[in-house]
Amino acid sequence: MTRSVIELKSSAEDRRIARHAAAAIALTVAEAAIPLPLPGIKPGLANIVTLAVLARWGWREAAWVSLLRVFAASLLLGQFLAPGFFLSLGGALASLIALGGAIRLPRRWFGPVSHSILAAFAHIGAQLLIARLWLTPHDGVFYLAPLLGGAAVLFGLVNGFAAAALLRDSQKPDMARPKTDGSESRQDAPSQL
């Protein structure tokens, strides 16, 4: 009897997506420990990672990171297939659709901050729609729209500025140590996100 061996080879892109997804999952799990003033209002810290990946490696990798985060975090937090999972998944899908359109806008006026705000509004809009159609079949859920919209602007700004700073810092070479032989060492090279 011969044993068959399945060998999976990972590419640099696979490892990069896994690293970023792990960072996003860690931020989501850490955020779950933060007490929230109202249900549904969260800072969305993992979106910083998604925005940075979008700006650096494109929409496809950002989609992988975002969707892996939703599924893995829901498993870790014990919410897989619970209403919170579907709200999170719907919000993530709506955000990815919004980001897919936003990256085609002129970079001169649209960057991580505006992308973050657009994604936050798409996320909140999708969650309100899912809540109205499935969880609370009453139009009263839309009374929360101004409050949730305000939170989307606030957290969209904060996350967008954080992503912009992260991208800016990842572009800078390390100036702490002088070069001795004129060549750039690995530690002096610009850091990879």
Protein backbone atom coordinates (compact mmCIF):
# COMPACT_ATOMS: atom_id res chain seq x y z
CA MET A 1 0.00 0.00 0.00
CA THR A 2 1.43 3.33 -1.03
CA ARG A 3 0.89 6.40 1.04
CA SER A 4 0.12 9.54 -0.83
CA VAL A 5 1.53 12.76 0.47
CA ILE A 6 -0.06 16.10 -0.15
CA GLU A 7 2.42 18.91 -0.03
CA LEU A 8 1.18 22.48 0.12
CA LYS A 9 3.63 25.17 -0.84
CA SER A 10 3.05 28.68 0.36
CA SER A 11 4.11 31.72 -1.59
CA ALA A 12 5.43 34.99 -0.21
CA GLU A 13 1.96 36.43 -0.85
CA ASP A 14 0.33 33.65 1.22
CA ARG A 15 2.69 34.30 4.14
CA ARG A 16 2.10 38.06 3.90
CA ILE A 17 -1.70 37.59 3.93
CA ALA A 18 -1.40 35.23 6.90
CA ARG A 19 0.73 37.75 8.84
CA HIS A 20 -1.70 40.58 8.20
CA ALA A 21 -4.75 38.43 8.93
CA ALA A 22 -3.14 37.35 12.22
CA ALA A 23 -2.57 41.00 13.18
CA ALA A 24 -6.19 41.86 12.28
CA ILE A 25 -7.49 38.87 14.26
CA ALA A 26 -5.42 39.87 17.30
CA LEU A 27 -6.82 43.41 17.15
CA THR A 28 -10.38 42.08 16.84
CA VAL A 29 -9.97 39.76 19.83
CA ALA A 30 -8.36 42.57 21.88
CA GLU A 31 -11.20 44.91 20.91
CA ALA A 32 -13.75 42.37 22.12
CA ALA A 33 -12.39 42.88 25.64
CA ILE A 34 -13.11 46.64 25.55
CA PRO A 35 -16.40 47.52 27.26
CA LEU A 36 -18.69 49.27 24.78
CA PRO A 37 -21.10 52.10 25.67
CA LEU A 38 -23.70 50.87 23.17
CA PRO A 39 -24.04 47.62 21.22
CA GLY A 40 -22.80 47.96 17.66
CA ILE A 41 -20.38 50.80 18.31
CA LYS A 42 -16.82 49.50 18.08
CA PRO A 43 -13.62 51.22 17.00
CA GLY A 44 -12.88 48.60 14.33
CA LEU A 45 -9.14 48.59 14.97
CA ALA A 46 -8.59 45.65 12.60
CA ASN A 47 -9.64 47.96 9.77
CA ILE A 48 -6.30 49.75 10.15
CA VAL A 49 -4.59 46.58 8.92
CA THR A 50 -7.08 46.16 6.07
CA LEU A 51 -6.58 49.78 4.94
CA ALA A 52 -2.80 49.45 5.02
CA VAL A 53 -2.94 46.20 3.02
CA LEU A 54 -5.32 47.83 0.53
CA ALA A 55 -2.96 50.77 -0.03
CA ARG A 56 0.17 48.65 -0.23
CA TRP A 57 -0.90 45.41 -1.96
CA GLY A 58 -4.34 46.02 -3.41
CA TRP A 59 -7.96 45.05 -3.00
CA ARG A 60 -7.55 41.29 -3.42
CA GLU A 61 -5.16 40.93 -0.48
CA ALA A 62 -7.26 43.33 1.62
CA ALA A 63 -10.32 41.15 0.93
CA TRP A 64 -8.44 38.02 2.03
CA VAL A 65 -7.27 39.70 5.23
CA SER A 66 -10.72 41.07 6.05
CA LEU A 67 -12.61 37.84 5.41
CA LEU A 68 -10.06 35.66 7.21
CA ARG A 69 -10.34 38.03 10.17
CA VAL A 70 -14.13 37.75 10.27
CA PHE A 71 -14.15 33.95 10.16
CA ALA A 72 -11.20 33.30 12.49
CA ALA A 73 -12.19 35.93 15.07
CA SER A 74 -15.76 34.60 15.19
CA LEU A 75 -14.39 31.11 15.84
CA LEU A 76 -12.02 32.37 18.55
CA LEU A 77 -14.74 34.44 20.23
CA GLY A 78 -17.35 31.68 20.01
CA GLN A 79 -19.65 33.66 17.71
CA PHE A 80 -19.44 31.62 14.51
CA LEU A 81 -22.88 31.48 12.82
CA ALA A 82 -24.38 33.64 15.62
CA PRO A 83 -26.13 36.90 14.68
CA GLY A 84 -22.95 38.87 15.47
CA PHE A 85 -21.06 36.81 12.89
CA PHE A 86 -23.56 37.63 10.14
CA LEU A 87 -23.55 41.31 11.11
CA SER A 88 -19.74 41.33 10.97
CA LEU A 89 -19.62 39.42 7.68
CA GLY A 90 -22.24 41.67 6.08
CA GLY A 91 -20.38 44.77 7.25
CA ALA A 92 -17.06 43.42 5.99
CA LEU A 93 -18.50 42.55 2.57
CA ALA A 94 -20.12 45.99 2.23
CA SER A 95 -16.85 47.66 3.28
CA LEU A 96 -14.90 45.65 0.72
CA ILE A 97 -17.36 46.65 -2.02
CA ALA A 98 -17.02 50.31 -0.99
CA LEU A 99 -13.21 50.03 -0.91
CA GLY A 100 -13.25 48.34 -4.31
CA GLY A 101 -14.90 51.45 -5.74
CA ALA A 102 -12.91 53.89 -3.62
CA ILE A 103 -9.50 52.73 -4.83
CA ARG A 104 -10.47 53.81 -8.34
CA LEU A 105 -10.97 57.41 -7.17
CA PRO A 106 -8.12 59.92 -7.74
CA ARG A 107 -5.36 59.35 -5.18
CA ARG A 108 -4.77 63.08 -5.00
CA TRP A 109 -8.01 63.53 -3.04
CA PHE A 110 -8.75 60.04 -1.75
CA GLY A 111 -6.42 58.13 0.54
CA PRO A 112 -6.55 55.97 3.67
CA VAL A 113 -8.63 58.47 5.66
CA SER A 114 -11.39 58.90 3.07
CA HIS A 115 -11.30 55.16 2.31
CA SER A 116 -11.71 54.44 6.01
CA ILE A 117 -14.72 56.73 6.35
CA LEU A 118 -16.39 55.26 3.24
CA ALA A 119 -15.76 51.72 4.51
CA ALA A 120 -17.10 52.61 7.97
CA PHE A 121 -20.34 54.00 6.49
CA ALA A 122 -20.74 50.93 4.27
CA HIS A 123 -20.14 48.67 7.27
CA ILE A 124 -22.72 50.45 9.44
CA GLY A 125 -25.23 50.64 6.59
CA ALA A 126 -25.01 46.91 5.92
CA GLN A 127 -25.33 46.09 9.61
CA LEU A 128 -28.40 48.29 9.97
CA LEU A 129 -29.96 46.66 6.92
CA ILE A 130 -29.26 43.13 8.22
CA ALA A 131 -30.60 44.08 11.66
CA ARG A 132 -33.77 45.51 10.10
CA LEU A 133 -34.42 42.62 7.74
CA TRP A 134 -33.51 39.77 10.07
CA LEU A 135 -33.05 40.62 13.74
CA THR A 136 -35.41 43.52 14.44
CA PRO A 137 -38.16 43.63 11.82
CA HIS A 138 -39.17 47.16 12.75
CA ASP A 139 -38.20 50.52 11.26
CA GLY A 140 -37.28 51.78 14.73
CA VAL A 141 -33.79 50.34 14.19
CA PHE A 142 -33.12 53.22 11.79
CA TYR A 143 -33.40 55.69 14.67
CA LEU A 144 -29.89 54.53 15.54
CA ALA A 145 -28.56 55.67 12.15
CA PRO A 146 -27.43 59.18 13.25
CA LEU A 147 -25.62 57.81 16.30
CA LEU A 148 -24.00 55.00 14.32
CA GLY A 149 -23.16 57.42 11.49
CA GLY A 150 -21.40 59.71 13.96
CA ALA A 151 -19.44 56.75 15.28
CA ALA A 152 -18.55 55.80 11.69
CA VAL A 153 -17.13 59.26 11.05
CA LEU A 154 -15.18 59.32 14.33
CA PHE A 155 -13.71 55.83 14.10
CA GLY A 156 -13.27 56.14 10.33
CA LEU A 157 -11.12 59.24 10.90
CA VAL A 158 -9.10 57.67 13.71
CA ASN A 159 -8.49 54.40 11.83
CA GLY A 160 -7.73 56.24 8.59
CA PHE A 161 -5.13 58.47 10.24
CA ALA A 162 -3.62 55.44 11.99
CA ALA A 163 -3.39 53.56 8.66
CA ALA A 164 -1.87 56.63 6.95
CA ALA A 165 0.74 56.93 9.74
CA LEU A 166 1.51 53.21 9.50
CA LEU A 167 1.98 53.48 5.75
CA ARG A 168 4.12 56.60 6.11
CA ASP A 169 6.32 54.96 8.75
CA SER A 170 6.74 51.80 6.68
CA GLN A 171 8.14 53.90 3.83
CA LYS A 172 10.90 55.52 5.92
CA PRO A 173 14.34 53.94 6.17
CA ASP A 174 15.72 53.39 9.64
CA MET A 175 18.01 56.35 10.33
CA ALA A 176 19.08 55.20 13.79
CA ARG A 177 22.35 53.56 12.70
CA PRO A 178 24.85 55.02 10.24
CA LYS A 179 25.85 52.87 7.30
CA THR A 180 29.44 51.69 7.54
CA ASP A 181 30.19 50.21 4.14
CA GLY A 182 27.84 52.22 1.95
CA SER A 183 25.45 49.32 1.39
CA GLU A 184 22.07 48.99 2.98
CA SER A 185 21.78 46.20 5.50
CA ARG A 186 18.51 44.40 6.09
CA GLN A 187 17.95 46.38 9.29
CA ASP A 188 18.48 49.69 7.49
CA ALA A 189 16.11 48.86 4.65
CA PRO A 190 12.56 50.23 4.72
CA SER A 191 10.41 47.98 6.84
CA GLN A 192 7.80 45.81 5.23
CA LEU A 193 4.26 46.24 6.44
